[in-house]
Amino acid sequence: MRDTGSFRMMKSPLEGGSAVLVRSDNARGPAVAPDGSALYYVVPLQNLNGLLDYELRAARPEAAHQGLLARILR
């Protein structure tokens, strides 16, 4: 979802109902751990040469404070 200038992750119940905000830190490319214990995602970072660097982050549970796993620099 992008309506505020940065990406946000939302989730909706399969049975229907209102969407719930999960991440609002410009998160992209979500992947859930096989056991559902963590949400992995990337956050793009603008660097000085105009290319994007990325941070790989994990949140346990999905809406909790994130932890930095790796920084991918180009």
PDB file of N, CA and C in Angstrom:
ATOM      1  N   MET A   1       0.854  -1.173   0.000  1.00  0.00           N
ATOM      2  CA  MET A   1       0.000   0.000   0.000  1.00  0.00           C
ATOM      3  C   MET A   1       0.894   1.229   0.000  1.00  0.00           C
ATOM      4  N   ARG A   2       0.628   2.152  -0.872  1.00  0.00           N
ATOM      5  CA  ARG A   2       1.454   3.352  -0.924  1.00  0.00           C
ATOM      6  C   ARG A   2       0.552   4.561  -1.124  1.00  0.00           C
ATOM      7  N   ASP A   3       0.255   5.262  -0.042  1.00  0.00           N
ATOM      8  CA  ASP A   3      -0.536   6.479  -0.148  1.00  0.00           C
ATOM      9  C   ASP A   3       0.022   7.587   0.741  1.00  0.00           C
ATOM     10  N   THR A   4       1.120   7.319   1.432  1.00  0.00           N
ATOM     11  CA  THR A   4       1.704   8.297   2.345  1.00  0.00           C
ATOM     12  C   THR A   4       3.137   8.645   1.980  1.00  0.00           C
ATOM     13  N   GLY A   5       3.603   8.215   0.812  1.00  0.00           N
ATOM     14  CA  GLY A   5       4.975   8.470   0.424  1.00  0.00           C
ATOM     15  C   GLY A   5       5.925   7.360   0.800  1.00  0.00           C
ATOM     16  N   SER A   6       5.485   6.398   1.587  1.00  0.00           N
ATOM     17  CA  SER A   6       6.290   5.221   1.893  1.00  0.00           C
ATOM     18  C   SER A   6       5.367   4.007   1.915  1.00  0.00           C
ATOM     19  N   PHE A   7       5.974   2.840   1.772  1.00  0.00           N
ATOM     20  CA  PHE A   7       5.184   1.616   1.737  1.00  0.00           C
ATOM     21  C   PHE A   7       4.779   1.192   3.134  1.00  0.00           C
ATOM     22  N   ARG A   8       3.604   0.601   3.221  1.00  0.00           N
ATOM     23  CA  ARG A   8       3.111   0.010   4.460  1.00  0.00           C
ATOM     24  C   ARG A   8       2.614  -1.395   4.146  1.00  0.00           C
ATOM     25  N   MET A   9       2.697  -2.310   5.093  1.00  0.00           N
ATOM     26  CA  MET A   9       2.155  -3.656   4.930  1.00  0.00           C
ATOM     27  C   MET A   9       0.870  -3.760   5.718  1.00  0.00           C
ATOM     28  N   MET A  10      -0.124  -4.316   5.050  1.00  0.00           N
ATOM     29  CA  MET A  10      -1.417  -4.548   5.678  1.00  0.00           C
ATOM     30  C   MET A  10      -1.722  -6.039   5.546  1.00  0.00           C
ATOM     31  N   LYS A  11      -2.557  -6.555   6.416  1.00  0.00           N
ATOM     32  CA  LYS A  11      -3.034  -7.930   6.253  1.00  0.00           C
ATOM     33  C   LYS A  11      -4.531  -7.953   6.484  1.00  0.00           C
ATOM     34  N   SER A  12      -5.180  -8.871   5.789  1.00  0.00           N
ATOM     35  CA  SER A  12      -6.631  -9.026   5.884  1.00  0.00           C
ATOM     36  C   SER A  12      -6.946 -10.467   6.223  1.00  0.00           C
ATOM     37  N   PRO A  13      -7.935 -10.713   7.066  1.00  0.00           N
ATOM     38  CA  PRO A  13      -8.330 -12.082   7.381  1.00  0.00           C
ATOM     39  C   PRO A  13      -8.888 -12.788   6.143  1.00  0.00           C
ATOM     40  N   LEU A  14      -8.594 -14.073   5.989  1.00  0.00           N
ATOM     41  CA  LEU A  14      -9.136 -14.841   4.865  1.00  0.00           C
ATOM     42  C   LEU A  14     -10.656 -14.871   4.887  1.00  0.00           C
ATOM     43  N   GLU A  15     -11.236 -14.807   6.076  1.00  0.00           N
ATOM     44  CA  GLU A  15     -12.694 -14.852   6.220  1.00  0.00           C
ATOM     45  C   GLU A  15     -13.349 -13.528   5.862  1.00  0.00           C
ATOM     46  N   GLY A  16     -12.530 -12.519   5.598  1.00  0.00           N
ATOM     47  CA  GLY A  16     -13.063 -11.183   5.333  1.00  0.00           C
ATOM     48  C   GLY A  16     -12.906 -10.311   6.559  1.00  0.00           C
ATOM     49  N   GLY A  17     -13.181  -9.065   6.400  1.00  0.00           N
ATOM     50  CA  GLY A  17     -13.052  -8.134   7.511  1.00  0.00           C
ATOM     51  C   GLY A  17     -12.061  -7.038   7.186  1.00  0.00           C
ATOM     52  N   SER A  18     -11.816  -6.209   8.148  1.00  0.00           N
ATOM     53  CA  SER A  18     -10.956  -5.040   7.953  1.00  0.00           C
ATOM     54  C   SER A  18      -9.487  -5.406   7.893  1.00  0.00           C
ATOM     55  N   ALA A  19      -8.752  -4.685   7.067  1.00  0.00           N
ATOM     56  CA  ALA A  19      -7.303  -4.853   6.993  1.00  0.00           C
ATOM     57  C   ALA A  19      -6.660  -4.233   8.232  1.00  0.00           C
ATOM     58  N   VAL A  20      -5.542  -4.812   8.655  1.00  0.00           N
ATOM     59  CA  VAL A  20      -4.813  -4.369   9.838  1.00  0.00           C
ATOM     60  C   VAL A  20      -3.407  -3.958   9.408  1.00  0.00           C
ATOM     61  N   LEU A  21      -2.949  -2.816   9.898  1.00  0.00           N
ATOM     62  CA  LEU A  21      -1.598  -2.362   9.621  1.00  0.00           C
ATOM     63  C   LEU A  21      -0.596  -3.260  10.334  1.00  0.00           C
ATOM     64  N   VAL A  22       0.374  -3.769   9.584  1.00  0.00           N
ATOM     65  CA  VAL A  22       1.405  -4.627  10.156  1.00  0.00           C
ATOM     66  C   VAL A  22       2.734  -3.879  10.260  1.00  0.00           C
ATOM     67  N   ARG A  23       3.173  -3.231   9.174  1.00  0.00           N
ATOM     68  CA  ARG A  23       4.427  -2.492   9.167  1.00  0.00           C
ATOM     69  C   ARG A  23       4.220  -1.148   8.498  1.00  0.00           C
ATOM     70  N   SER A  24       4.843  -0.095   9.005  1.00  0.00           N
ATOM     71  CA  SER A  24       4.754   1.236   8.393  1.00  0.00           C
ATOM     72  C   SER A  24       6.141   1.834   8.187  1.00  0.00           C
ATOM     73  N   ASP A  25       7.159   0.981   8.111  1.00  0.00           N
ATOM     74  CA  ASP A  25       8.546   1.456   8.000  1.00  0.00           C
ATOM     75  C   ASP A  25       9.119   1.264   6.594  1.00  0.00           C
ATOM     76  N   ASN A  26       8.273   1.499   5.568  1.00  0.00           N
ATOM     77  CA  ASN A  26       8.673   1.402   4.167  1.00  0.00           C
ATOM     78  C   ASN A  26       9.058  -0.029   3.801  1.00  0.00           C
ATOM     79  N   ALA A  27       8.437  -1.009   4.462  1.00  0.00           N
ATOM     80  CA  ALA A  27       8.732  -2.426   4.275  1.00  0.00           C
ATOM     81  C   ALA A  27       8.249  -2.922   2.914  1.00  0.00           C
ATOM     82  N   ARG A  28       9.063  -3.805   2.311  1.00  0.00           N
ATOM     83  CA  ARG A  28       8.722  -4.408   1.022  1.00  0.00           C
ATOM     84  C   ARG A  28       9.159  -5.866   1.013  1.00  0.00           C
ATOM     85  N   GLY A  29       8.595  -6.632   0.100  1.00  0.00           N
ATOM     86  CA  GLY A  29       9.022  -8.017  -0.113  1.00  0.00           C
ATOM     87  C   GLY A  29       8.840  -8.910   1.091  1.00  0.00           C
ATOM     88  N   PRO A  30       7.653  -8.972   1.669  1.00  0.00           N
ATOM     89  CA  PRO A  30       7.467  -9.758   2.891  1.00  0.00           C
ATOM     90  C   PRO A  30       7.585 -11.265   2.658  1.00  0.00           C
ATOM     91  N   ALA A  31       8.091 -11.948   3.668  1.00  0.00           N
ATOM     92  CA  ALA A  31       8.138 -13.405   3.705  1.00  0.00           C
ATOM     93  C   ALA A  31       7.926 -13.824   5.152  1.00  0.00           C
ATOM     94  N   VAL A  32       7.019 -14.752   5.356  1.00  0.00           N
ATOM     95  CA  VAL A  32       6.722 -15.242   6.707  1.00  0.00           C
ATOM     96  C   VAL A  32       7.521 -16.511   6.956  1.00  0.00           C
ATOM     97  N   ALA A  33       8.092 -16.638   8.145  1.00  0.00           N
ATOM     98  CA  ALA A  33       8.813 -17.854   8.524  1.00  0.00           C
ATOM     99  C   ALA A  33       7.861 -19.044   8.427  1.00  0.00           C
ATOM    100  N   PRO A  34       8.364 -20.221   8.063  1.00  0.00           N
ATOM    101  CA  PRO A  34       7.495 -21.402   7.919  1.00  0.00           C
ATOM    102  C   PRO A  34       6.634 -21.694   9.150  1.00  0.00           C
ATOM    103  N   ASP A  35       7.154 -21.417  10.344  1.00  0.00           N
ATOM    104  CA  ASP A  35       6.365 -21.669  11.555  1.00  0.00           C
ATOM    105  C   ASP A  35       5.551 -20.453  11.993  1.00  0.00           C
ATOM    106  N   GLY A  36       5.597 -19.363  11.200  1.00  0.00           N
ATOM    107  CA  GLY A  36       4.817 -18.169  11.510  1.00  0.00           C
ATOM    108  C   GLY A  36       5.386 -17.307  12.619  1.00  0.00           C
ATOM    109  N   SER A  37       6.607 -17.604  13.060  1.00  0.00           N
ATOM    110  CA  SER A  37       7.172 -16.892  14.206  1.00  0.00           C
ATOM    111  C   SER A  37       7.805 -15.546  13.863  1.00  0.00           C
ATOM    112  N   ALA A  38       8.027 -15.265  12.575  1.00  0.00           N
ATOM    113  CA  ALA A  38       8.702 -14.015  12.200  1.00  0.00           C
ATOM    114  C   ALA A  38       8.242 -13.564  10.824  1.00  0.00           C
ATOM    115  N   LEU A  39       8.361 -12.270  10.609  1.00  0.00           N
ATOM    116  CA  LEU A  39       8.124 -11.658   9.307  1.00  0.00           C
ATOM    117  C   LEU A  39       9.454 -11.089   8.844  1.00  0.00           C
ATOM    118  N   TYR A  40       9.916 -11.528   7.675  1.00  0.00           N
ATOM    119  CA  TYR A  40      11.148 -11.032   7.077  1.00  0.00           C
ATOM    120  C   TYR A  40      10.781 -10.090   5.945  1.00  0.00           C
ATOM    121  N   TYR A  41      11.557  -9.017   5.771  1.00  0.00           N
ATOM    122  CA  TYR A  41      11.265  -8.059   4.713  1.00  0.00           C
ATOM    123  C   TYR A  41      12.483  -7.185   4.453  1.00  0.00           C
ATOM    124  N   VAL A  42      12.450  -6.424   3.373  1.00  0.00           N
ATOM    125  CA  VAL A  42      13.536  -5.502   3.053  1.00  0.00           C
ATOM    126  C   VAL A  42      13.016  -4.072   3.098  1.00  0.00           C
ATOM    127  N   VAL A  43      13.942  -3.160   3.392  1.00  0.00           N
ATOM    128  CA  VAL A  43      13.650  -1.727   3.380  1.00  0.00           C
ATOM    129  C   VAL A  43      14.708  -1.070   2.490  1.00  0.00           C
ATOM    130  N   PRO A  44      14.288  -0.385   1.419  1.00  0.00           N
ATOM    131  CA  PRO A  44      15.257   0.284   0.555  1.00  0.00           C
ATOM    132  C   PRO A  44      15.807   1.547   1.213  1.00  0.00           C
ATOM    133  N   LEU A  45      17.089   1.805   0.955  1.00  0.00           N
ATOM    134  CA  LEU A  45      17.767   2.994   1.479  1.00  0.00           C
ATOM    135  C   LEU A  45      18.403   3.727   0.306  1.00  0.00           C
ATOM    136  N   GLN A  46      18.163   4.997   0.180  1.00  0.00           N
ATOM    137  CA  GLN A  46      18.774   5.795  -0.889  1.00  0.00           C
ATOM    138  C   GLN A  46      20.227   6.074  -0.515  1.00  0.00           C
ATOM    139  N   ASN A  47      21.151   5.806  -1.430  1.00  0.00           N
ATOM    140  CA  ASN A  47      22.542   6.144  -1.127  1.00  0.00           C
ATOM    141  C   ASN A  47      22.993   7.318  -1.979  1.00  0.00           C
ATOM    142  N   LEU A  48      24.201   7.745  -1.822  1.00  0.00           N
ATOM    143  CA  LEU A  48      24.683   8.969  -2.460  1.00  0.00           C
ATOM    144  C   LEU A  48      24.798   8.887  -3.982  1.00  0.00           C
ATOM    145  N   ASN A  49      24.968   7.692  -4.552  1.00  0.00           N
ATOM    146  CA  ASN A  49      25.114   7.583  -6.000  1.00  0.00           C
ATOM    147  C   ASN A  49      23.780   7.383  -6.720  1.00  0.00           C
ATOM    148  N   GLY A  50      22.674   7.470  -5.994  1.00  0.00           N
ATOM    149  CA  GLY A  50      21.349   7.363  -6.597  1.00  0.00           C
ATOM    150  C   GLY A  50      20.807   5.954  -6.687  1.00  0.00           C
ATOM    151  N   LEU A  51      21.630   4.940  -6.383  1.00  0.00           N
ATOM    152  CA  LEU A  51      21.156   3.559  -6.365  1.00  0.00           C
ATOM    153  C   LEU A  51      20.545   3.251  -5.006  1.00  0.00           C
ATOM    154  N   LEU A  52      19.831   2.152  -4.921  1.00  0.00           N
ATOM    155  CA  LEU A  52      19.238   1.760  -3.651  1.00  0.00           C
ATOM    156  C   LEU A  52      20.096   0.716  -2.960  1.00  0.00           C
ATOM    157  N   ASP A  53      20.355   0.918  -1.690  1.00  0.00           N
ATOM    158  CA  ASP A  53      20.888  -0.110  -0.808  1.00  0.00           C
ATOM    159  C   ASP A  53      19.672  -0.693  -0.098  1.00  0.00           C
ATOM    160  N   TYR A  54      19.857  -1.814   0.580  1.00  0.00           N
ATOM    161  CA  TYR A  54      18.729  -2.457   1.258  1.00  0.00           C
ATOM    162  C   TYR A  54      19.137  -2.930   2.632  1.00  0.00           C
ATOM    163  N   GLU A  55      18.166  -2.938   3.531  1.00  0.00           N
ATOM    164  CA  GLU A  55      18.328  -3.592   4.822  1.00  0.00           C
ATOM    165  C   GLU A  55      17.373  -4.769   4.859  1.00  0.00           C
ATOM    166  N   LEU A  56      17.879  -5.915   5.272  1.00  0.00           N
ATOM    167  CA  LEU A  56      17.050  -7.096   5.495  1.00  0.00           C
ATOM    168  C   LEU A  56      16.711  -7.109   6.977  1.00  0.00           C
ATOM    169  N   ARG A  57      15.418  -7.125   7.267  1.00  0.00           N
ATOM    170  CA  ARG A  57      14.964  -7.024   8.657  1.00  0.00           C
ATOM    171  C   ARG A  57      14.034  -8.180   9.010  1.00  0.00           C
ATOM    172  N   ALA A  58      13.890  -8.421  10.307  1.00  0.00           N
ATOM    173  CA  ALA A  58      12.957  -9.423  10.820  1.00  0.00           C
ATOM    174  C   ALA A  58      12.201  -8.825  11.989  1.00  0.00           C
ATOM    175  N   ALA A  59      10.928  -9.159  12.081  1.00  0.00           N
ATOM    176  CA  ALA A  59      10.101  -8.711  13.206  1.00  0.00           C
ATOM    177  C   ALA A  59       9.426  -9.941  13.805  1.00  0.00           C
ATOM    178  N   ARG A  60       9.498 -10.075  15.129  1.00  0.00           N
ATOM    179  CA  ARG A  60       8.883 -11.198  15.839  1.00  0.00           C
ATOM    180  C   ARG A  60       8.142 -10.653  17.043  1.00  0.00           C
ATOM    181  N   PRO A  61       6.839 -10.619  17.085  1.00  0.00           N
ATOM    182  CA  PRO A  61       5.887 -10.916  16.007  1.00  0.00           C
ATOM    183  C   PRO A  61       5.919  -9.840  14.927  1.00  0.00           C
ATOM    184  N   GLU A  62       5.074  -9.988  13.930  1.00  0.00           N
ATOM    185  CA  GLU A  62       5.120  -9.165  12.717  1.00  0.00           C
ATOM    186  C   GLU A  62       5.037  -7.666  12.948  1.00  0.00           C
ATOM    187  N   ALA A  63       4.331  -7.216  13.969  1.00  0.00           N
ATOM    188  CA  ALA A  63       4.170  -5.785  14.224  1.00  0.00           C
ATOM    189  C   ALA A  63       5.125  -5.275  15.306  1.00  0.00           C
ATOM    190  N   ALA A  64       6.000  -6.138  15.791  1.00  0.00           N
ATOM    191  CA  ALA A  64       6.925  -5.767  16.860  1.00  0.00           C
ATOM    192  C   ALA A  64       8.094  -4.961  16.313  1.00  0.00           C
ATOM    193  N   HIS A  65       8.917  -4.469  17.223  1.00  0.00           N
ATOM    194  CA  HIS A  65      10.133  -3.758  16.822  1.00  0.00           C
ATOM    195  C   HIS A  65      10.969  -4.699  15.965  1.00  0.00           C
ATOM    196  N   GLN A  66      11.533  -4.181  14.886  1.00  0.00           N
ATOM    197  CA  GLN A  66      12.294  -5.001  13.948  1.00  0.00           C
ATOM    198  C   GLN A  66      13.749  -5.103  14.365  1.00  0.00           C
ATOM    199  N   GLY A  67      14.394  -6.148  13.863  1.00  0.00           N
ATOM    200  CA  GLY A  67      15.824  -6.323  14.063  1.00  0.00           C
ATOM    201  C   GLY A  67      16.521  -6.353  12.713  1.00  0.00           C
ATOM    202  N   LEU A  68      17.650  -5.702  12.616  1.00  0.00           N
ATOM    203  CA  LEU A  68      18.425  -5.664  11.387  1.00  0.00           C
ATOM    204  C   LEU A  68      19.206  -6.967  11.259  1.00  0.00           C
ATOM    205  N   LEU A  69      19.026  -7.678  10.130  1.00  0.00           N
ATOM    206  CA  LEU A  69      19.749  -8.918   9.875  1.00  0.00           C
ATOM    207  C   LEU A  69      20.971  -8.684   8.994  1.00  0.00           C
ATOM    208  N   ALA A  70      20.823  -7.824   7.971  1.00  0.00           N
ATOM    209  CA  ALA A  70      21.934  -7.569   7.047  1.00  0.00           C
ATOM    210  C   ALA A  70      21.690  -6.263   6.309  1.00  0.00           C
ATOM    211  N   ARG A  71      22.775  -5.668   5.845  1.00  0.00           N
ATOM    212  CA  ARG A  71      22.698  -4.481   4.993  1.00  0.00           C
ATOM    213  C   ARG A  71      23.339  -4.849   3.654  1.00  0.00           C
ATOM    214  N   ILE A  72      22.622  -4.604   2.571  1.00  0.00           N
ATOM    215  CA  ILE A  72      23.098  -4.921   1.231  1.00  0.00           C
ATOM    216  C   ILE A  72      23.446  -3.606   0.552  1.00  0.00           C
ATOM    217  N   LEU A  73      24.728  -3.395   0.315  1.00  0.00           N
ATOM    218  CA  LEU A  73      25.206  -2.137  -0.249  1.00  0.00           C
ATOM    219  C   LEU A  73      25.605  -2.349  -1.702  1.00  0.00           C
ATOM    220  N   ARG A  74      25.269  -1.362  -2.551  1.00  0.00           N
ATOM    221  CA  ARG A  74      25.615  -1.458  -3.972  1.00  0.00           C
ATOM    222  C   ARG A  74      26.551  -0.346  -4.358  1.00  0.00           C
TER     223      ARG A  74
END
